[in-house]
Amino acid sequence: IYVLDGLFPGQAEFYAREDLRPALITVEEAREWAAFGTEYGRNLPCAI
């Protein structure tokens, strides 16, 4: 499941829990998703 509107601010945990793949649209979103993946313990799938 891909989310076309990207990564909503502060909601990375919800995406990860529901196994949703954000279609990242900005460097800021990519940075937030990458940082959360590091905390989560693995690189999380996503689209660009």
All heavy atoms as atom14 arrays in JSON, in Angstrom:
{
  "sequence": "IYVLDGLFPGQAEFYAREDLRPALITVEEAREWAAFGTEYGRNLPCAI",
  "atom14_mask": [
    [1, 1, 1, 1, 1, 1, 1, 1, 0, 0, 0, 0, 0, 0],
    [1, 1, 1, 1, 1, 1, 1, 1, 1, 1, 1, 1, 0, 0],
    [1, 1, 1, 1, 1, 1, 1, 0, 0, 0, 0, 0, 0, 0],
    [1, 1, 1, 1, 1, 1, 1, 1, 0, 0, 0, 0, 0, 0],
    [1, 1, 1, 1, 1, 1, 1, 1, 0, 0, 0, 0, 0, 0],
    [1, 1, 1, 1, 0, 0, 0, 0, 0, 0, 0, 0, 0, 0],
    [1, 1, 1, 1, 1, 1, 1, 1, 0, 0, 0, 0, 0, 0],
    [1, 1, 1, 1, 1, 1, 1, 1, 1, 1, 1, 0, 0, 0],
    [1, 1, 1, 1, 1, 1, 1, 0, 0, 0, 0, 0, 0, 0],
    [1, 1, 1, 1, 0, 0, 0, 0, 0, 0, 0, 0, 0, 0],
    [1, 1, 1, 1, 1, 1, 1, 1, 1, 0, 0, 0, 0, 0],
    [1, 1, 1, 1, 1, 0, 0, 0, 0, 0, 0, 0, 0, 0],
    [1, 1, 1, 1, 1, 1, 1, 1, 1, 0, 0, 0, 0, 0],
    [1, 1, 1, 1, 1, 1, 1, 1, 1, 1, 1, 0, 0, 0],
    [1, 1, 1, 1, 1, 1, 1, 1, 1, 1, 1, 1, 0, 0],
    [1, 1, 1, 1, 1, 0, 0, 0, 0, 0, 0, 0, 0, 0],
    [1, 1, 1, 1, 1, 1, 1, 1, 1, 1, 1, 0, 0, 0],
    [1, 1, 1, 1, 1, 1, 1, 1, 1, 0, 0, 0, 0, 0],
    [1, 1, 1, 1, 1, 1, 1, 1, 0, 0, 0, 0, 0, 0],
    [1, 1, 1, 1, 1, 1, 1, 1, 0, 0, 0, 0, 0, 0],
    [1, 1, 1, 1, 1, 1, 1, 1, 1, 1, 1, 0, 0, 0],
    [1, 1, 1, 1, 1, 1, 1, 0, 0, 0, 0, 0, 0, 0],
    [1, 1, 1, 1, 1, 0, 0, 0, 0, 0, 0, 0, 0, 0],
    [1, 1, 1, 1, 1, 1, 1, 1, 0, 0, 0, 0, 0, 0],
    [1, 1, 1, 1, 1, 1, 1, 1, 0, 0, 0, 0, 0, 0],
    [1, 1, 1, 1, 1, 1, 1, 0, 0, 0, 0, 0, 0, 0],
    [1, 1, 1, 1, 1, 1, 1, 0, 0, 0, 0, 0, 0, 0],
    [1, 1, 1, 1, 1, 1, 1, 1, 1, 0, 0, 0, 0, 0],
    [1, 1, 1, 1, 1, 1, 1, 1, 1, 0, 0, 0, 0, 0],
    [1, 1, 1, 1, 1, 0, 0, 0, 0, 0, 0, 0, 0, 0],
    [1, 1, 1, 1, 1, 1, 1, 1, 1, 1, 1, 0, 0, 0],
    [1, 1, 1, 1, 1, 1, 1, 1, 1, 0, 0, 0, 0, 0],
    [1, 1, 1, 1, 1, 1, 1, 1, 1, 1, 1, 1, 1, 1],
    [1, 1, 1, 1, 1, 0, 0, 0, 0, 0, 0, 0, 0, 0],
    [1, 1, 1, 1, 1, 0, 0, 0, 0, 0, 0, 0, 0, 0],
    [1, 1, 1, 1, 1, 1, 1, 1, 1, 1, 1, 0, 0, 0],
    [1, 1, 1, 1, 0, 0, 0, 0, 0, 0, 0, 0, 0, 0],
    [1, 1, 1, 1, 1, 1, 1, 0, 0, 0, 0, 0, 0, 0],
    [1, 1, 1, 1, 1, 1, 1, 1, 1, 0, 0, 0, 0, 0],
    [1, 1, 1, 1, 1, 1, 1, 1, 1, 1, 1, 1, 0, 0],
    [1, 1, 1, 1, 0, 0, 0, 0, 0, 0, 0, 0, 0, 0],
    [1, 1, 1, 1, 1, 1, 1, 1, 1, 1, 1, 0, 0, 0],
    [1, 1, 1, 1, 1, 1, 1, 1, 0, 0, 0, 0, 0, 0],
    [1, 1, 1, 1, 1, 1, 1, 1, 0, 0, 0, 0, 0, 0],
    [1, 1, 1, 1, 1, 1, 1, 0, 0, 0, 0, 0, 0, 0],
    [1, 1, 1, 1, 1, 1, 0, 0, 0, 0, 0, 0, 0, 0],
    [1, 1, 1, 1, 1, 0, 0, 0, 0, 0, 0, 0, 0, 0],
    [1, 1, 1, 1, 1, 1, 1, 1, 0, 0, 0, 0, 0, 0]
  ],
  "atom14_positions": [
    [[0.85, -1.19, 0.0], [0.0, 0.0, 0.0], [0.88, 1.24, 0.0], [1.66, 1.47, 0.93], [-0.93, 0.03, 1.22], [-1.82, -1.22, 1.26], [-1.79, 1.3, 1.21], [-2.66, -1.34, 2.52], [0.0, 0.0, 0.0], [0.0, 0.0, 0.0], [0.0, 0.0, 0.0], [0.0, 0.0, 0.0], [0.0, 0.0, 0.0], [0.0, 0.0, 0.0]],
    [[0.76, 2.05, -1.05], [1.48, 3.31, -1.15], [0.55, 4.48, -0.82], [-0.63, 4.48, -1.22], [2.05, 3.52, -2.55], [3.24, 2.65, -2.86], [3.1, 1.47, -3.58], [4.52, 3.01, -2.43], [4.2, 0.67, -3.88], [5.63, 2.21, -2.71], [5.46, 1.05, -3.44], [6.55, 0.26, -3.71], [0.0, 0.0, 0.0], [0.0, 0.0, 0.0]],
    [[1.08, 5.47, -0.11], [0.33, 6.68, 0.23], [0.83, 7.8, -0.65], [1.97, 8.28, -0.49], [0.49, 7.03, 1.72], [-0.27, 8.31, 2.05], [0.0, 5.88, 2.6], [0.0, 0.0, 0.0], [0.0, 0.0, 0.0], [0.0, 0.0, 0.0], [0.0, 0.0, 0.0], [0.0, 0.0, 0.0], [0.0, 0.0, 0.0], [0.0, 0.0, 0.0]],
    [[0.02, 8.25, -1.59], [0.45, 9.19, -2.62], [0.71, 10.59, -2.09], [1.47, 11.35, -2.7], [-0.6, 9.24, -3.73], [-0.8, 7.94, -4.52], [-2.0, 8.05, -5.45], [0.45, 7.6, -5.31], [0.0, 0.0, 0.0], [0.0, 0.0, 0.0], [0.0, 0.0, 0.0], [0.0, 0.0, 0.0], [0.0, 0.0, 0.0], [0.0, 0.0, 0.0]],
    [[0.05, 10.97, -1.01], [0.24, 12.33, -0.48], [1.49, 12.46, 0.37], [1.71, 13.49, 1.0], [-0.98, 12.75, 0.34], [-2.17, 13.11, -0.54], [-2.05, 13.01, -1.77], [-3.23, 13.49, 0.01], [0.0, 0.0, 0.0], [0.0, 0.0, 0.0], [0.0, 0.0, 0.0], [0.0, 0.0, 0.0], [0.0, 0.0, 0.0], [0.0, 0.0, 0.0]],
    [[2.32, 11.44, 0.39], [3.59, 11.52, 1.07], [3.52, 11.17, 2.54], [2.58, 10.51, 3.01], [0.0, 0.0, 0.0], [0.0, 0.0, 0.0], [0.0, 0.0, 0.0], [0.0, 0.0, 0.0], [0.0, 0.0, 0.0], [0.0, 0.0, 0.0], [0.0, 0.0, 0.0], [0.0, 0.0, 0.0], [0.0, 0.0, 0.0], [0.0, 0.0, 0.0]],
    [[4.53, 11.6, 3.27], [4.64, 11.34, 4.7], [4.09, 12.53, 5.47], [4.65, 13.63, 5.41], [6.11, 11.1, 5.09], [6.4, 10.87, 6.57], [5.74, 9.59, 7.06], [7.91, 10.84, 6.81], [0.0, 0.0, 0.0], [0.0, 0.0, 0.0], [0.0, 0.0, 0.0], [0.0, 0.0, 0.0], [0.0, 0.0, 0.0], [0.0, 0.0, 0.0]],
    [[3.0, 12.33, 6.2], [2.43, 13.41, 7.0], [3.36, 13.69, 8.19], [3.91, 12.75, 8.79], [1.04, 13.05, 7.49], [-0.05, 13.26, 6.46], [0.21, 13.14, 5.11], [-1.34, 13.56, 6.85], [-0.78, 13.33, 4.15], [-2.34, 13.76, 5.92], [-2.07, 13.64, 4.56], [0.0, 0.0, 0.0], [0.0, 0.0, 0.0], [0.0, 0.0, 0.0]],
    [[3.56, 14.96, 8.54], [4.52, 15.3, 9.59], [4.22, 14.59, 10.91], [3.08, 14.58, 11.39], [4.34, 16.82, 9.75], [3.79, 17.27, 8.44], [2.91, 16.15, 7.96], [0.0, 0.0, 0.0], [0.0, 0.0, 0.0], [0.0, 0.0, 0.0], [0.0, 0.0, 0.0], [0.0, 0.0, 0.0], [0.0, 0.0, 0.0], [0.0, 0.0, 0.0]],
    [[5.24, 13.97, 11.49], [5.11, 13.33, 12.79], [4.33, 12.04, 12.8], [4.03, 11.51, 13.88], [0.0, 0.0, 0.0], [0.0, 0.0, 0.0], [0.0, 0.0, 0.0], [0.0, 0.0, 0.0], [0.0, 0.0, 0.0], [0.0, 0.0, 0.0], [0.0, 0.0, 0.0], [0.0, 0.0, 0.0], [0.0, 0.0, 0.0], [0.0, 0.0, 0.0]],
    [[4.01, 11.49, 11.63], [3.16, 10.29, 11.56], [3.9, 9.05, 11.08], [3.28, 8.06, 10.7], [1.96, 10.57, 10.65], [1.04, 11.66, 11.15], [0.51, 11.36, 12.54], [0.1, 10.22, 12.82], [0.51, 12.36, 13.41], [0.0, 0.0, 0.0], [0.0, 0.0, 0.0], [0.0, 0.0, 0.0], [0.0, 0.0, 0.0], [0.0, 0.0, 0.0]],
    [[5.23, 9.09, 11.1], [6.0, 7.95, 10.6], [5.67, 6.66, 11.34], [5.61, 5.58, 10.74], [7.49, 8.24, 10.68], [0.0, 0.0, 0.0], [0.0, 0.0, 0.0], [0.0, 0.0, 0.0], [0.0, 0.0, 0.0], [0.0, 0.0, 0.0], [0.0, 0.0, 0.0], [0.0, 0.0, 0.0], [0.0, 0.0, 0.0], [0.0, 0.0, 0.0]],
    [[5.43, 6.76, 12.63], [5.11, 5.56, 13.41], [3.83, 4.91, 12.91], [3.74, 3.68, 12.84], [4.99, 5.9, 14.89], [4.72, 4.69, 15.77], [4.64, 5.03, 17.24], [4.8, 6.21, 17.59], [4.41, 4.1, 18.05], [0.0, 0.0, 0.0], [0.0, 0.0, 0.0], [0.0, 0.0, 0.0], [0.0, 0.0, 0.0], [0.0, 0.0, 0.0]],
    [[2.84, 5.72, 12.57], [1.59, 5.16, 12.05], [1.84, 4.42, 10.74], [1.36, 3.3, 10.53], [0.56, 6.28, 11.84], [-0.72, 5.8, 11.21], [-1.72, 5.23, 11.99], [-0.94, 5.92, 9.84], [-2.9, 4.78, 11.42], [-2.12, 5.47, 9.26], [-3.1, 4.9, 10.06], [0.0, 0.0, 0.0], [0.0, 0.0, 0.0], [0.0, 0.0, 0.0]],
    [[2.6, 5.03, 9.83], [2.9, 4.39, 8.55], [3.6, 3.05, 8.78], [3.28, 2.05, 8.14], [3.81, 5.28, 7.7], [3.16, 6.48, 7.06], [2.72, 7.55, 7.82], [3.02, 6.57, 5.68], [2.16, 8.69, 7.23], [2.47, 7.69, 5.07], [2.03, 8.74, 5.85], [1.48, 9.84, 5.26], [0.0, 0.0, 0.0], [0.0, 0.0, 0.0]],
    [[4.58, 3.06, 9.68], [5.34, 1.82, 9.93], [4.47, 0.75, 10.56], [4.53, -0.42, 10.17], [6.53, 2.14, 10.82], [0.0, 0.0, 0.0], [0.0, 0.0, 0.0], [0.0, 0.0, 0.0], [0.0, 0.0, 0.0], [0.0, 0.0, 0.0], [0.0, 0.0, 0.0], [0.0, 0.0, 0.0], [0.0, 0.0, 0.0], [0.0, 0.0, 0.0]],
    [[3.64, 1.15, 11.51], [2.78, 0.18, 12.18], [1.79, -0.46, 11.22], [1.51, -1.66, 11.29], [2.03, 0.86, 13.34], [1.18, -0.11, 14.16], [0.57, 0.58, 15.36], [-0.45, 1.57, 15.0], [-0.32, 2.87, 15.18], [0.8, 3.37, 15.7], [-1.29, 3.69, 14.84], [0.0, 0.0, 0.0], [0.0, 0.0, 0.0], [0.0, 0.0, 0.0]],
    [[1.26, 0.34, 10.3], [0.28, -0.16, 9.33], [0.93, -0.69, 8.06], [0.23, -1.1, 7.13], [-0.72, 0.95, 8.98], [-1.52, 1.48, 10.16], [-2.39, 0.42, 10.8], [-2.84, -0.5, 10.07], [-2.62, 0.5, 12.03], [0.0, 0.0, 0.0], [0.0, 0.0, 0.0], [0.0, 0.0, 0.0], [0.0, 0.0, 0.0], [0.0, 0.0, 0.0]],
    [[2.27, -0.68, 8.02], [3.02, -1.14, 6.86], [2.58, -0.39, 5.6], [2.23, -0.99, 4.57], [2.87, -2.65, 6.67], [3.88, -3.23, 5.68], [4.84, -2.52, 5.36], [3.68, -4.37, 5.23], [0.0, 0.0, 0.0], [0.0, 0.0, 0.0], [0.0, 0.0, 0.0], [0.0, 0.0, 0.0], [0.0, 0.0, 0.0], [0.0, 0.0, 0.0]],
    [[2.6, 0.93, 5.69], [2.27, 1.81, 4.57], [3.56, 2.4, 4.01], [4.49, 2.73, 4.77], [1.34, 2.94, 5.01], [0.06, 2.55, 5.74], [-0.72, 3.8, 6.16], [-0.8, 1.64, 4.86], [0.0, 0.0, 0.0], [0.0, 0.0, 0.0], [0.0, 0.0, 0.0], [0.0, 0.0, 0.0], [0.0, 0.0, 0.0], [0.0, 0.0, 0.0]],
    [[3.61, 2.55, 2.72], [4.8, 3.09, 2.07], [4.53, 4.51, 1.58], [3.77, 4.68, 0.61], [5.23, 2.19, 0.92], [5.51, 0.75, 1.34], [6.01, -0.1, 0.19], [6.18, -1.49, 0.6], [6.73, -2.44, -0.14], [7.16, -2.13, -1.38], [6.85, -3.67, 0.31], [0.0, 0.0, 0.0], [0.0, 0.0, 0.0], [0.0, 0.0, 0.0]],
    [[5.11, 5.51, 2.2], [4.88, 6.87, 1.72], [5.57, 7.1, 0.38], [6.69, 6.62, 0.15], [5.5, 7.74, 2.82], [6.57, 6.88, 3.41], [6.02, 5.47, 3.36], [0.0, 0.0, 0.0], [0.0, 0.0, 0.0], [0.0, 0.0, 0.0], [0.0, 0.0, 0.0], [0.0, 0.0, 0.0], [0.0, 0.0, 0.0], [0.0, 0.0, 0.0]],
    [[4.91, 7.84, -0.5], [5.55, 8.31, -1.73], [6.17, 9.65, -1.38], [5.51, 10.7, -1.44], [4.54, 8.43, -2.85], [0.0, 0.0, 0.0], [0.0, 0.0, 0.0], [0.0, 0.0, 0.0], [0.0, 0.0, 0.0], [0.0, 0.0, 0.0], [0.0, 0.0, 0.0], [0.0, 0.0, 0.0], [0.0, 0.0, 0.0], [0.0, 0.0, 0.0]],
    [[7.43, 9.63, -0.99], [8.1, 10.82, -0.47], [8.19, 11.9, -1.55], [8.48, 11.61, -2.72], [9.49, 10.45, 0.03], [9.54, 9.37, 1.12], [10.99, 9.01, 1.43], [8.81, 9.83, 2.37], [0.0, 0.0, 0.0], [0.0, 0.0, 0.0], [0.0, 0.0, 0.0], [0.0, 0.0, 0.0], [0.0, 0.0, 0.0], [0.0, 0.0, 0.0]],
    [[7.96, 13.15, -1.15], [7.87, 14.24, -2.13], [8.85, 15.38, -1.86], [8.98, 16.27, -2.69], [6.43, 14.8, -2.21], [5.96, 15.26, -0.83], [5.48, 13.76, -2.8], [4.55, 15.86, -0.81], [0.0, 0.0, 0.0], [0.0, 0.0, 0.0], [0.0, 0.0, 0.0], [0.0, 0.0, 0.0], [0.0, 0.0, 0.0], [0.0, 0.0, 0.0]],
    [[9.54, 15.35, -0.72], [10.52, 16.4, -0.4], [11.7, 15.77, 0.34], [11.6, 14.69, 0.92], [9.92, 17.5, 0.49], [9.58, 16.93, 1.77], [8.69, 18.14, -0.14], [0.0, 0.0, 0.0], [0.0, 0.0, 0.0], [0.0, 0.0, 0.0], [0.0, 0.0, 0.0], [0.0, 0.0, 0.0], [0.0, 0.0, 0.0], [0.0, 0.0, 0.0]],
    [[12.81, 16.49, 0.34], [13.97, 16.05, 1.1], [13.63, 16.01, 2.59], [14.09, 15.11, 3.31], [15.17, 16.98, 0.83], [16.33, 16.65, 1.77], [15.62, 16.88, -0.63], [0.0, 0.0, 0.0], [0.0, 0.0, 0.0], [0.0, 0.0, 0.0], [0.0, 0.0, 0.0], [0.0, 0.0, 0.0], [0.0, 0.0, 0.0], [0.0, 0.0, 0.0]],
    [[12.83, 16.96, 3.04], [12.43, 16.97, 4.45], [11.71, 15.7, 4.83], [11.98, 15.1, 5.89], [11.54, 18.18, 4.71], [11.09, 18.31, 6.16], [10.15, 19.49, 6.37], [9.72, 20.11, 5.38], [9.85, 19.79, 7.55], [0.0, 0.0, 0.0], [0.0, 0.0, 0.0], [0.0, 0.0, 0.0], [0.0, 0.0, 0.0], [0.0, 0.0, 0.0]],
    [[10.78, 15.24, 3.97], [10.09, 13.98, 4.24], [11.06, 12.81, 4.23], [10.98, 11.92, 5.07], [8.98, 13.75, 3.2], [7.76, 14.61, 3.37], [6.62, 14.19, 2.48], [6.75, 13.16, 1.77], [5.58, 14.85, 2.51], [0.0, 0.0, 0.0], [0.0, 0.0, 0.0], [0.0, 0.0, 0.0], [0.0, 0.0, 0.0], [0.0, 0.0, 0.0]],
    [[11.96, 12.8, 3.26], [12.94, 11.71, 3.17], [13.81, 11.65, 4.42], [14.1, 10.57, 4.94], [13.8, 11.89, 1.93], [0.0, 0.0, 0.0], [0.0, 0.0, 0.0], [0.0, 0.0, 0.0], [0.0, 0.0, 0.0], [0.0, 0.0, 0.0], [0.0, 0.0, 0.0], [0.0, 0.0, 0.0], [0.0, 0.0, 0.0], [0.0, 0.0, 0.0]],
    [[14.19, 12.82, 4.92], [15.02, 12.87, 6.12], [14.24, 12.32, 7.32], [14.78, 11.53, 8.13], [15.45, 14.3, 6.38], [16.39, 14.45, 7.59], [16.83, 15.88, 7.79], [17.69, 16.31, 6.68], [17.35, 17.23, 5.77], [16.15, 17.8, 5.85], [18.16, 17.58, 4.81], [0.0, 0.0, 0.0], [0.0, 0.0, 0.0], [0.0, 0.0, 0.0]],
    [[12.97, 12.7, 7.44], [12.15, 12.22, 8.57], [11.93, 10.71, 8.49], [12.02, 10.01, 9.51], [10.81, 12.95, 8.59], [9.92, 12.55, 9.75], [8.62, 13.34, 9.8], [8.51, 14.38, 9.11], [7.7, 12.91, 10.53], [0.0, 0.0, 0.0], [0.0, 0.0, 0.0], [0.0, 0.0, 0.0], [0.0, 0.0, 0.0], [0.0, 0.0, 0.0]],
    [[11.66, 10.2, 7.29], [11.42, 8.76, 7.12], [12.7, 7.97, 7.39], [12.67, 6.91, 8.03], [10.91, 8.49, 5.72], [10.42, 7.1, 5.47], [10.92, 6.21, 4.57], [9.32, 6.42, 6.11], [10.2, 5.03, 4.59], [9.21, 5.13, 5.54], [8.42, 6.8, 7.1], [8.25, 4.21, 5.93], [7.45, 5.88, 7.49], [7.37, 4.6, 6.92]],
    [[13.84, 8.49, 6.92], [15.11, 7.81, 7.15], [15.45, 7.79, 8.64], [15.9, 6.76, 9.17], [16.22, 8.5, 6.36], [0.0, 0.0, 0.0], [0.0, 0.0, 0.0], [0.0, 0.0, 0.0], [0.0, 0.0, 0.0], [0.0, 0.0, 0.0], [0.0, 0.0, 0.0], [0.0, 0.0, 0.0], [0.0, 0.0, 0.0], [0.0, 0.0, 0.0]],
    [[15.23, 8.91, 9.31], [15.53, 8.98, 10.74], [14.65, 8.03, 11.53], [15.12, 7.36, 12.46], [15.35, 10.42, 11.23], [0.0, 0.0, 0.0], [0.0, 0.0, 0.0], [0.0, 0.0, 0.0], [0.0, 0.0, 0.0], [0.0, 0.0, 0.0], [0.0, 0.0, 0.0], [0.0, 0.0, 0.0], [0.0, 0.0, 0.0], [0.0, 0.0, 0.0]],
    [[13.38, 7.96, 11.17], [12.49, 7.06, 11.9], [12.9, 5.61, 11.64], [12.84, 4.78, 12.55], [11.03, 7.27, 11.49], [10.09, 6.39, 12.27], [9.68, 6.75, 13.54], [9.65, 5.18, 11.73], [8.84, 5.92, 14.27], [8.8, 4.36, 12.46], [8.4, 4.74, 13.73], [0.0, 0.0, 0.0], [0.0, 0.0, 0.0], [0.0, 0.0, 0.0]],
    [[13.29, 5.3, 10.42], [13.74, 3.95, 10.12], [14.93, 3.54, 10.97], [15.02, 2.39, 11.42], [0.0, 0.0, 0.0], [0.0, 0.0, 0.0], [0.0, 0.0, 0.0], [0.0, 0.0, 0.0], [0.0, 0.0, 0.0], [0.0, 0.0, 0.0], [0.0, 0.0, 0.0], [0.0, 0.0, 0.0], [0.0, 0.0, 0.0], [0.0, 0.0, 0.0]],
    [[15.83, 4.49, 11.21], [16.99, 4.21, 12.06], [16.53, 3.86, 13.47], [17.01, 2.9, 14.09], [17.93, 5.42, 12.08], [18.41, 5.68, 10.75], [19.12, 5.17, 13.0], [0.0, 0.0, 0.0], [0.0, 0.0, 0.0], [0.0, 0.0, 0.0], [0.0, 0.0, 0.0], [0.0, 0.0, 0.0], [0.0, 0.0, 0.0], [0.0, 0.0, 0.0]],
    [[15.57, 4.64, 13.99], [15.03, 4.36, 15.32], [14.27, 3.03, 15.33], [14.31, 2.29, 16.32], [14.08, 5.48, 15.75], [14.74, 6.83, 15.93], [13.72, 7.91, 16.27], [12.54, 7.54, 16.52], [14.08, 9.09, 16.27], [0.0, 0.0, 0.0], [0.0, 0.0, 0.0], [0.0, 0.0, 0.0], [0.0, 0.0, 0.0], [0.0, 0.0, 0.0]],
    [[13.62, 2.73, 14.24], [12.8, 1.52, 14.13], [13.66, 0.26, 14.0], [13.2, -0.85, 14.27], [11.88, 1.66, 12.9], [10.67, 0.78, 12.89], [9.59, 1.02, 13.74], [10.58, -0.3, 12.0], [8.46, 0.22, 13.7], [9.45, -1.1, 11.96], [8.4, -0.84, 12.83], [7.28, -1.64, 12.79], [0.0, 0.0, 0.0], [0.0, 0.0, 0.0]],
    [[14.89, 0.46, 13.54], [15.81, -0.66, 13.44], [16.01, -1.22, 12.05], [16.74, -2.2, 11.87], [0.0, 0.0, 0.0], [0.0, 0.0, 0.0], [0.0, 0.0, 0.0], [0.0, 0.0, 0.0], [0.0, 0.0, 0.0], [0.0, 0.0, 0.0], [0.0, 0.0, 0.0], [0.0, 0.0, 0.0], [0.0, 0.0, 0.0], [0.0, 0.0, 0.0]],
    [[15.39, -0.6, 11.04], [15.6, -1.07, 9.67], [15.17, 0.02, 8.69], [14.36, 0.88, 9.01], [14.82, -2.35, 9.38], [13.32, -2.24, 9.48], [12.66, -3.61, 9.27], [11.22, -3.57, 9.46], [10.35, -3.33, 8.5], [10.78, -3.1, 7.26], [9.05, -3.35, 8.75], [0.0, 0.0, 0.0], [0.0, 0.0, 0.0], [0.0, 0.0, 0.0]],
    [[15.74, -0.06, 7.5], [15.35, 0.88, 6.46], [13.94, 0.52, 5.97], [13.71, -0.59, 5.49], [16.33, 0.83, 5.29], [17.7, 1.38, 5.66], [17.88, 1.9, 6.76], [18.65, 1.25, 4.75], [0.0, 0.0, 0.0], [0.0, 0.0, 0.0], [0.0, 0.0, 0.0], [0.0, 0.0, 0.0], [0.0, 0.0, 0.0], [0.0, 0.0, 0.0]],
    [[13.04, 1.45, 6.09], [11.64, 1.18, 5.79], [11.34, 1.46, 4.32], [11.84, 2.43, 3.74], [10.74, 2.04, 6.67], [10.84, 1.73, 8.18], [10.15, 2.83, 8.99], [10.23, 0.37, 8.48], [0.0, 0.0, 0.0], [0.0, 0.0, 0.0], [0.0, 0.0, 0.0], [0.0, 0.0, 0.0], [0.0, 0.0, 0.0], [0.0, 0.0, 0.0]],
    [[10.5, 0.63, 3.7], [10.21, 0.82, 2.27], [9.44, 2.11, 2.0], [8.63, 2.57, 2.81], [9.37, -0.42, 1.91], [8.8, -0.9, 3.2], [9.82, -0.55, 4.25], [0.0, 0.0, 0.0], [0.0, 0.0, 0.0], [0.0, 0.0, 0.0], [0.0, 0.0, 0.0], [0.0, 0.0, 0.0], [0.0, 0.0, 0.0], [0.0, 0.0, 0.0]],
    [[9.69, 2.67, 0.83], [9.02, 3.91, 0.43], [9.17, 4.08, -1.07], [9.97, 3.39, -1.73], [9.62, 5.12, 1.16], [11.38, 5.37, 0.78], [0.0, 0.0, 0.0], [0.0, 0.0, 0.0], [0.0, 0.0, 0.0], [0.0, 0.0, 0.0], [0.0, 0.0, 0.0], [0.0, 0.0, 0.0], [0.0, 0.0, 0.0], [0.0, 0.0, 0.0]],
    [[8.4, 5.01, -1.61], [8.55, 5.43, -3.0], [9.14, 6.83, -3.02], [9.05, 7.57, -2.04], [7.2, 5.41, -3.71], [0.0, 0.0, 0.0], [0.0, 0.0, 0.0], [0.0, 0.0, 0.0], [0.0, 0.0, 0.0], [0.0, 0.0, 0.0], [0.0, 0.0, 0.0], [0.0, 0.0, 0.0], [0.0, 0.0, 0.0], [0.0, 0.0, 0.0]],
    [[9.74, 7.19, -4.12], [10.16, 8.56, -4.38], [9.3, 9.09, -5.53], [9.25, 8.48, -6.6], [11.65, 8.65, -4.76], [12.52, 8.27, -3.57], [11.99, 10.05, -5.25], [12.44, 9.24, -2.41], [0.0, 0.0, 0.0], [0.0, 0.0, 0.0], [0.0, 0.0, 0.0], [0.0, 0.0, 0.0], [0.0, 0.0, 0.0], [0.0, 0.0, 0.0]]
  ]
}
